[in-house]
PDB file of N, CA and C in Angstrom:
ATOM      1  N   MET A   1       3.747 -14.508   8.117  1.00  0.00           N
ATOM      2  CA  MET A   1       4.525 -13.329   7.972  1.00  0.00           C
ATOM      3  C   MET A   1       4.988 -12.880   9.426  1.00  0.00           C
ATOM      4  N   THR A   2       6.116 -12.450   9.507  1.00  0.00           N
ATOM      5  CA  THR A   2       6.830 -11.999  10.817  1.00  0.00           C
ATOM      6  C   THR A   2       6.327 -10.522  11.061  1.00  0.00           C
ATOM      7  N   THR A   3       6.248 -10.265  12.358  1.00  0.00           N
ATOM      8  CA  THR A   3       5.892  -8.927  12.831  1.00  0.00           C
ATOM      9  C   THR A   3       7.102  -8.246  13.439  1.00  0.00           C
ATOM     10  N   ILE A   4       7.529  -7.036  13.224  1.00  0.00           N
ATOM     11  CA  ILE A   4       8.516  -6.226  13.690  1.00  0.00           C
ATOM     12  C   ILE A   4       7.915  -4.992  14.348  1.00  0.00           C
ATOM     13  N   SER A   5       8.182  -4.817  15.639  1.00  0.00           N
ATOM     14  CA  SER A   5       7.610  -3.568  16.276  1.00  0.00           C
ATOM     15  C   SER A   5       8.787  -2.793  16.775  1.00  0.00           C
ATOM     16  N   PHE A   6       8.529  -1.438  16.954  1.00  0.00           N
ATOM     17  CA  PHE A   6       9.404  -0.573  17.601  1.00  0.00           C
ATOM     18  C   PHE A   6       8.684   0.638  18.033  1.00  0.00           C
ATOM     19  N   LYS A   7       9.290   1.333  18.986  1.00  0.00           N
ATOM     20  CA  LYS A   7       8.608   2.519  19.581  1.00  0.00           C
ATOM     21  C   LYS A   7       9.178   3.816  18.950  1.00  0.00           C
ATOM     22  N   VAL A   8       8.189   4.733  18.865  1.00  0.00           N
ATOM     23  CA  VAL A   8       8.477   6.056  18.249  1.00  0.00           C
ATOM     24  C   VAL A   8       7.746   7.076  19.227  1.00  0.00           C
ATOM     25  N   SER A   9       8.202   8.333  19.143  1.00  0.00           N
ATOM     26  CA  SER A   9       7.503   9.375  19.916  1.00  0.00           C
ATOM     27  C   SER A   9       6.237   9.695  19.197  1.00  0.00           C
ATOM     28  N   GLU A  10       5.352  10.453  20.016  1.00  0.00           N
ATOM     29  CA  GLU A  10       4.077  10.853  19.418  1.00  0.00           C
ATOM     30  C   GLU A  10       4.253  11.642  18.160  1.00  0.00           C
ATOM     31  N   GLU A  11       5.226  12.568  18.125  1.00  0.00           N
ATOM     32  CA  GLU A  11       5.482  13.480  17.011  1.00  0.00           C
ATOM     33  C   GLU A  11       6.013  12.661  15.751  1.00  0.00           C
ATOM     34  N   GLU A  12       6.833  11.684  16.103  1.00  0.00           N
ATOM     35  CA  GLU A  12       7.386  10.772  14.994  1.00  0.00           C
ATOM     36  C   GLU A  12       6.187   9.928  14.385  1.00  0.00           C
ATOM     37  N   ALA A  13       5.304   9.544  15.232  1.00  0.00           N
ATOM     38  CA  ALA A  13       4.176   8.721  14.794  1.00  0.00           C
ATOM     39  C   ALA A  13       3.280   9.582  13.891  1.00  0.00           C
ATOM     40  N   ARG A  14       2.950  10.774  14.180  1.00  0.00           N
ATOM     41  CA  ARG A  14       2.231  11.784  13.499  1.00  0.00           C
ATOM     42  C   ARG A  14       2.847  11.964  12.090  1.00  0.00           C
ATOM     43  N   ARG A  15       4.191  12.150  12.165  1.00  0.00           N
ATOM     44  CA  ARG A  15       4.886  12.385  10.734  1.00  0.00           C
ATOM     45  C   ARG A  15       4.790  11.184   9.888  1.00  0.00           C
ATOM     46  N   ILE A  16       4.978  10.040  10.566  1.00  0.00           N
ATOM     47  CA  ILE A  16       4.990   8.708   9.688  1.00  0.00           C
ATOM     48  C   ILE A  16       3.395   8.562   9.156  1.00  0.00           C
ATOM     49  N   ARG A  17       2.530   8.689  10.007  1.00  0.00           N
ATOM     50  CA  ARG A  17       1.116   8.636   9.512  1.00  0.00           C
ATOM     51  C   ARG A  17       0.722   9.584   8.387  1.00  0.00           C
ATOM     52  N   LYS A  18       1.284  10.825   8.621  1.00  0.00           N
ATOM     53  CA  LYS A  18       1.018  11.867   7.579  1.00  0.00           C
ATOM     54  C   LYS A  18       1.720  11.527   6.240  1.00  0.00           C
ATOM     55  N   ARG A  19       2.947  11.080   6.330  1.00  0.00           N
ATOM     56  CA  ARG A  19       3.556  10.656   5.032  1.00  0.00           C
ATOM     57  C   ARG A  19       2.951   9.501   4.391  1.00  0.00           C
ATOM     58  N   ALA A  20       2.623   8.579   5.183  1.00  0.00           N
ATOM     59  CA  ALA A  20       1.914   7.307   4.615  1.00  0.00           C
ATOM     60  C   ALA A  20       0.612   7.770   3.949  1.00  0.00           C
ATOM     61  N   ARG A  21      -0.217   8.648   4.618  1.00  0.00           N
ATOM     62  CA  ARG A  21      -1.360   9.116   4.044  1.00  0.00           C
ATOM     63  C   ARG A  21      -1.210   9.769   2.741  1.00  0.00           C
ATOM     64  N   GLN A  22      -0.142  10.691   2.673  1.00  0.00           N
ATOM     65  CA  GLN A  22       0.066  11.508   1.576  1.00  0.00           C
ATOM     66  C   GLN A  22       0.470  10.522   0.402  1.00  0.00           C
ATOM     67  N   GLN A  23       1.101   9.444   0.559  1.00  0.00           N
ATOM     68  CA  GLN A  23       1.454   8.391  -0.475  1.00  0.00           C
ATOM     69  C   GLN A  23       0.278   7.368  -0.695  1.00  0.00           C
ATOM     70  N   ARG A  24      -0.787   7.519   0.128  1.00  0.00           N
ATOM     71  CA  ARG A  24      -1.938   6.639  -0.019  1.00  0.00           C
ATOM     72  C   ARG A  24      -1.530   5.237   0.236  1.00  0.00           C
ATOM     73  N   LEU A  25      -0.759   5.050   1.349  1.00  0.00           N
ATOM     74  CA  LEU A  25      -0.213   3.751   1.808  1.00  0.00           C
ATOM     75  C   LEU A  25      -0.652   3.517   3.206  1.00  0.00           C
ATOM     76  N   SER A  26      -0.698   2.206   3.638  1.00  0.00           N
ATOM     77  CA  SER A  26      -0.792   1.998   5.018  1.00  0.00           C
ATOM     78  C   SER A  26       0.467   2.373   5.702  1.00  0.00           C
ATOM     79  N   VAL A  27       0.439   2.443   7.076  1.00  0.00           N
ATOM     80  CA  VAL A  27       1.730   2.707   7.708  1.00  0.00           C
ATOM     81  C   VAL A  27       2.693   1.629   7.459  1.00  0.00           C
ATOM     82  N   SER A  28       2.169   0.404   7.641  1.00  0.00           N
ATOM     83  CA  SER A  28       2.986  -0.789   7.454  1.00  0.00           C
ATOM     84  C   SER A  28       3.750  -0.748   6.089  1.00  0.00           C
ATOM     85  N   GLU A  29       2.891  -0.535   5.047  1.00  0.00           N
ATOM     86  CA  GLU A  29       3.474  -0.553   3.735  1.00  0.00           C
ATOM     87  C   GLU A  29       4.510   0.636   3.476  1.00  0.00           C
ATOM     88  N   TYR A  30       4.119   1.722   4.064  1.00  0.00           N
ATOM     89  CA  TYR A  30       5.053   2.895   3.880  1.00  0.00           C
ATOM     90  C   TYR A  30       6.483   2.617   4.635  1.00  0.00           C
ATOM     91  N   LEU A  31       6.358   1.960   5.832  1.00  0.00           N
ATOM     92  CA  LEU A  31       7.605   1.710   6.606  1.00  0.00           C
ATOM     93  C   LEU A  31       8.358   0.664   5.813  1.00  0.00           C
ATOM     94  N   ARG A  32       7.621  -0.434   5.273  1.00  0.00           N
ATOM     95  CA  ARG A  32       8.311  -1.533   4.714  1.00  0.00           C
ATOM     96  C   ARG A  32       8.979  -0.943   3.423  1.00  0.00           C
ATOM     97  N   ARG A  33       8.371  -0.116   2.621  1.00  0.00           N
ATOM     98  CA  ARG A  33       9.057   0.507   1.495  1.00  0.00           C
ATOM     99  C   ARG A  33      10.334   1.275   1.813  1.00  0.00           C
ATOM    100  N   ARG A  34      10.184   2.161   2.883  1.00  0.00           N
ATOM    101  CA  ARG A  34      11.224   2.920   3.339  1.00  0.00           C
ATOM    102  C   ARG A  34      12.420   2.062   3.874  1.00  0.00           C
ATOM    103  N   ALA A  35      12.131   0.986   4.643  1.00  0.00           N
ATOM    104  CA  ALA A  35      13.225   0.197   5.093  1.00  0.00           C
ATOM    105  C   ALA A  35      13.832  -0.604   4.072  1.00  0.00           C
ATOM    106  N   THR A  36      13.110  -1.063   3.102  1.00  0.00           N
ATOM    107  CA  THR A  36      13.693  -1.980   2.047  1.00  0.00           C
ATOM    108  C   THR A  36      14.236  -1.119   0.849  1.00  0.00           C
ATOM    109  N   GLY A  37      13.942   0.098   0.878  1.00  0.00           N
ATOM    110  CA  GLY A  37      14.463   0.941  -0.379  1.00  0.00           C
ATOM    111  C   GLY A  37      13.639   0.707  -1.606  1.00  0.00           C
ATOM    112  N   SER A  38      12.442   0.210  -1.478  1.00  0.00           N
ATOM    113  CA  SER A  38      11.523  -0.123  -2.561  1.00  0.00           C
ATOM    114  C   SER A  38      10.457   1.004  -2.496  1.00  0.00           C
ATOM    115  N   GLU A  39      10.766   2.236  -2.701  1.00  0.00           N
ATOM    116  CA  GLU A  39       9.777   3.261  -2.455  1.00  0.00           C
ATOM    117  C   GLU A  39       8.945   3.535  -3.720  1.00  0.00           C
ATOM    118  N   GLU A  40       9.219   2.940  -4.792  1.00  0.00           N
ATOM    119  CA  GLU A  40       8.410   3.293  -5.958  1.00  0.00           C
ATOM    120  C   GLU A  40       7.007   2.725  -5.742  1.00  0.00           C
ATOM    121  N   ALA A  41       6.085   3.404  -6.400  1.00  0.00           N
ATOM    122  CA  ALA A  41       4.714   2.954  -6.434  1.00  0.00           C
ATOM    123  C   ALA A  41       4.510   1.647  -7.125  1.00  0.00           C
ATOM    124  N   ALA A  42       3.483   0.884  -6.624  1.00  0.00           N
ATOM    125  CA  ALA A  42       3.157  -0.396  -7.310  1.00  0.00           C
ATOM    126  C   ALA A  42       2.602  -0.042  -8.673  1.00  0.00           C
ATOM    127  N   PRO A  43       2.910  -0.817  -9.702  1.00  0.00           N
ATOM    128  CA  PRO A  43       2.494  -0.581 -11.052  1.00  0.00           C
ATOM    129  C   PRO A  43       0.959  -0.753 -11.258  1.00  0.00           C
ATOM    130  N   VAL A  44       0.289   0.158 -11.861  1.00  0.00           N
ATOM    131  CA  VAL A  44      -1.208   0.163 -11.986  1.00  0.00           C
ATOM    132  C   VAL A  44      -1.480   0.617 -13.306  1.00  0.00           C
ATOM    133  N   GLY A  45      -2.361  -0.022 -14.028  1.00  0.00           N
ATOM    134  CA  GLY A  45      -2.824   0.386 -15.352  1.00  0.00           C
ATOM    135  C   GLY A  45      -4.297   0.496 -15.335  1.00  0.00           C
ATOM    136  N   LYS A  46      -4.837   0.838 -16.480  1.00  0.00           N
ATOM    137  CA  LYS A  46      -6.255   0.912 -16.778  1.00  0.00           C
ATOM    138  C   LYS A  46      -6.597  -0.044 -17.877  1.00  0.00           C
ATOM    139  N   ILE A  47      -7.722  -0.883 -17.590  1.00  0.00           N
ATOM    140  CA  ILE A  47      -8.224  -1.664 -18.722  1.00  0.00           C
ATOM    141  C   ILE A  47      -9.747  -1.599 -18.737  1.00  0.00           C
ATOM    142  N   ARG A  48     -10.261  -2.136 -19.860  1.00  0.00           N
ATOM    143  CA  ARG A  48     -11.660  -2.106 -20.083  1.00  0.00           C
ATOM    144  C   ARG A  48     -12.362  -3.469 -19.509  1.00  0.00           C
ATOM    145  N   CYS A  49     -13.276  -3.258 -18.719  1.00  0.00           N
ATOM    146  CA  CYS A  49     -13.923  -4.480 -18.112  1.00  0.00           C
ATOM    147  C   CYS A  49     -14.653  -5.180 -19.247  1.00  0.00           C
ATOM    148  N   ASP A  50     -14.431  -6.497 -19.321  1.00  0.00           N
ATOM    149  CA  ASP A  50     -15.140  -7.298 -20.410  1.00  0.00           C
ATOM    150  C   ASP A  50     -16.639  -7.356 -19.994  1.00  0.00           C
ATOM    151  N   ILE A  51     -17.088  -7.261 -18.881  1.00  0.00           N
ATOM    152  CA  ILE A  51     -18.440  -7.431 -18.511  1.00  0.00           C
ATOM    153  C   ILE A  51     -19.186  -6.123 -18.648  1.00  0.00           C
ATOM    154  N   THR A  52     -18.772  -5.074 -18.048  1.00  0.00           N
ATOM    155  CA  THR A  52     -19.525  -3.767 -17.920  1.00  0.00           C
ATOM    156  C   THR A  52     -18.930  -2.866 -18.992  1.00  0.00           C
ATOM    157  N   GLY A  53     -17.808  -2.974 -19.549  1.00  0.00           N
ATOM    158  CA  GLY A  53     -17.243  -2.056 -20.458  1.00  0.00           C
ATOM    159  C   GLY A  53     -16.679  -0.814 -19.855  1.00  0.00           C
ATOM    160  N   ALA A  54     -16.702  -0.716 -18.488  1.00  0.00           N
ATOM    161  CA  ALA A  54     -16.184   0.502 -17.663  1.00  0.00           C
ATOM    162  C   ALA A  54     -14.621   0.278 -17.728  1.00  0.00           C
ATOM    163  N   GLU A  55     -13.952   1.432 -17.652  1.00  0.00           N
ATOM    164  CA  GLU A  55     -12.596   1.533 -17.499  1.00  0.00           C
ATOM    165  C   GLU A  55     -12.228   1.379 -16.035  1.00  0.00           C
ATOM    166  N   ILE A  56     -11.365   0.311 -15.757  1.00  0.00           N
ATOM    167  CA  ILE A  56     -11.134  -0.037 -14.342  1.00  0.00           C
ATOM    168  C   ILE A  56      -9.500  -0.100 -14.209  1.00  0.00           C
ATOM    169  N   PHE A  57      -9.089   0.028 -12.822  1.00  0.00           N
ATOM    170  CA  PHE A  57      -7.655  -0.099 -12.610  1.00  0.00           C
ATOM    171  C   PHE A  57      -7.356  -1.643 -12.533  1.00  0.00           C
ATOM    172  N   ALA A  58      -6.176  -1.976 -13.048  1.00  0.00           N
ATOM    173  CA  ALA A  58      -5.678  -3.408 -12.970  1.00  0.00           C
ATOM    174  C   ALA A  58      -4.190  -3.444 -12.835  1.00  0.00           C
ATOM    175  N   PRO A  59      -3.619  -4.488 -12.230  1.00  0.00           N
ATOM    176  CA  PRO A  59      -2.179  -4.556 -12.196  1.00  0.00           C
ATOM    177  C   PRO A  59      -1.567  -4.749 -13.620  1.00  0.00           C
ATOM    178  N   LEU A  60      -0.359  -4.158 -13.811  1.00  0.00           N
ATOM    179  CA  LEU A  60       0.109  -4.375 -15.092  1.00  0.00           C
ATOM    180  C   LEU A  60       0.768  -5.861 -15.190  1.00  0.00           C
ATOM    181  N   SER A  61       1.087  -6.302 -16.316  1.00  0.00           N
ATOM    182  CA  SER A  61       1.589  -7.656 -16.359  1.00  0.00           C
ATOM    183  C   SER A  61       2.880  -7.791 -15.467  1.00  0.00           C
ATOM    184  N   GLY A  62       2.945  -8.908 -14.877  1.00  0.00           N
ATOM    185  CA  GLY A  62       4.082  -9.107 -14.026  1.00  0.00           C
ATOM    186  C   GLY A  62       3.890  -8.661 -12.565  1.00  0.00           C
ATOM    187  N   ALA A  63       2.940  -7.877 -12.352  1.00  0.00           N
ATOM    188  CA  ALA A  63       2.612  -7.425 -11.001  1.00  0.00           C
ATOM    189  C   ALA A  63       1.786  -8.472 -10.305  1.00  0.00           C
ATOM    190  N   SER A  64       1.993  -8.529  -8.933  1.00  0.00           N
ATOM    191  CA  SER A  64       1.251  -9.500  -8.168  1.00  0.00           C
ATOM    192  C   SER A  64      -0.187  -9.209  -7.994  1.00  0.00           C
ATOM    193  N   ALA A  65      -1.094 -10.186  -7.937  1.00  0.00           N
ATOM    194  CA  ALA A  65      -2.504  -9.909  -7.933  1.00  0.00           C
ATOM    195  C   ALA A  65      -2.943  -9.431  -6.597  1.00  0.00           C
ATOM    196  N   LEU A  66      -4.057  -8.662  -6.630  1.00  0.00           N
ATOM    197  CA  LEU A  66      -4.625  -8.066  -5.414  1.00  0.00           C
ATOM    198  C   LEU A  66      -5.530  -9.241  -4.616  1.00  0.00           C
ATOM    199  N   THR A  67      -5.128  -9.590  -3.549  1.00  0.00           N
ATOM    200  CA  THR A  67      -5.734 -10.633  -2.701  1.00  0.00           C
ATOM    201  C   THR A  67      -6.394 -10.036  -1.581  1.00  0.00           C
ATOM    202  N   THR A  68      -7.228 -10.958  -0.946  1.00  0.00           N
ATOM    203  CA  THR A  68      -7.890 -10.579   0.306  1.00  0.00           C
ATOM    204  C   THR A  68      -6.763 -10.268   1.260  1.00  0.00           C
ATOM    205  N   GLU A  69      -5.755 -11.014   1.380  1.00  0.00           N
ATOM    206  CA  GLU A  69      -4.618 -10.710   2.346  1.00  0.00           C
ATOM    207  C   GLU A  69      -3.945  -9.468   2.107  1.00  0.00           C
ATOM    208  N   THR A  70      -3.686  -9.048   0.867  1.00  0.00           N
ATOM    209  CA  THR A  70      -3.092  -7.803   0.671  1.00  0.00           C
ATOM    210  C   THR A  70      -4.114  -6.651   0.965  1.00  0.00           C
ATOM    211  N   VAL A  71      -5.324  -6.765   0.645  1.00  0.00           N
ATOM    212  CA  VAL A  71      -6.265  -5.761   1.089  1.00  0.00           C
ATOM    213  C   VAL A  71      -6.317  -5.619   2.651  1.00  0.00           C
ATOM    214  N   ARG A  72      -6.311  -6.709   3.292  1.00  0.00           N
ATOM    215  CA  ARG A  72      -6.262  -6.695   4.777  1.00  0.00           C
ATOM    216  C   ARG A  72      -4.998  -5.921   5.376  1.00  0.00           C
ATOM    217  N   GLN A  73      -3.885  -6.218   4.653  1.00  0.00           N
ATOM    218  CA  GLN A  73      -2.624  -5.511   5.142  1.00  0.00           C
ATOM    219  C   GLN A  73      -2.673  -3.961   4.807  1.00  0.00           C
ATOM    220  N   MET A  74      -3.338  -3.734   3.619  1.00  0.00           N
ATOM    221  CA  MET A  74      -3.423  -2.213   3.246  1.00  0.00           C
ATOM    222  C   MET A  74      -4.336  -1.528   4.358  1.00  0.00           C
ATOM    223  N   LEU A  75      -5.451  -2.217   4.751  1.00  0.00           N
ATOM    224  CA  LEU A  75      -6.394  -1.553   5.616  1.00  0.00           C
ATOM    225  C   LEU A  75      -6.077  -1.736   7.044  1.00  0.00           C
ATOM    226  N   ALA A  76      -5.122  -2.546   7.411  1.00  0.00           N
ATOM    227  CA  ALA A  76      -4.834  -2.751   8.810  1.00  0.00           C
ATOM    228  C   ALA A  76      -4.561  -1.521   9.598  1.00  0.00           C
ATOM    229  N   GLU A  77      -3.892  -0.496   9.016  1.00  0.00           N
ATOM    230  CA  GLU A  77      -3.525   0.719   9.624  1.00  0.00           C
ATOM    231  C   GLU A  77      -4.504   1.848   9.346  1.00  0.00           C
ATOM    232  N   PHE A  78      -5.556   1.585   8.618  1.00  0.00           N
ATOM    233  CA  PHE A  78      -6.461   2.558   8.257  1.00  0.00           C
ATOM    234  C   PHE A  78      -7.201   3.201   9.553  1.00  0.00           C
ATOM    235  N   PRO A  79      -7.329   4.453   9.598  1.00  0.00           N
ATOM    236  CA  PRO A  79      -7.828   5.044  10.738  1.00  0.00           C
ATOM    237  C   PRO A  79      -9.225   4.872  10.917  1.00  0.00           C
TER     238      PRO A  79
END
């Protein structure tokens, strides 16, 4: 994966972090979505766990799987 970096003022950084937090996204994911125009939330549904019977969150059909790498990306900017 390629890295792109750029500079922002302290105030801009605060606003970006705040907006990412409000949308429950990492700063990287927030900026990626803003830059590519794909700002809609990832599709998430609820299913019943076959093992415990508990209701859990799961990606809807056609959505990409949650992987260790995607979790790392989500947590990379976590304070």
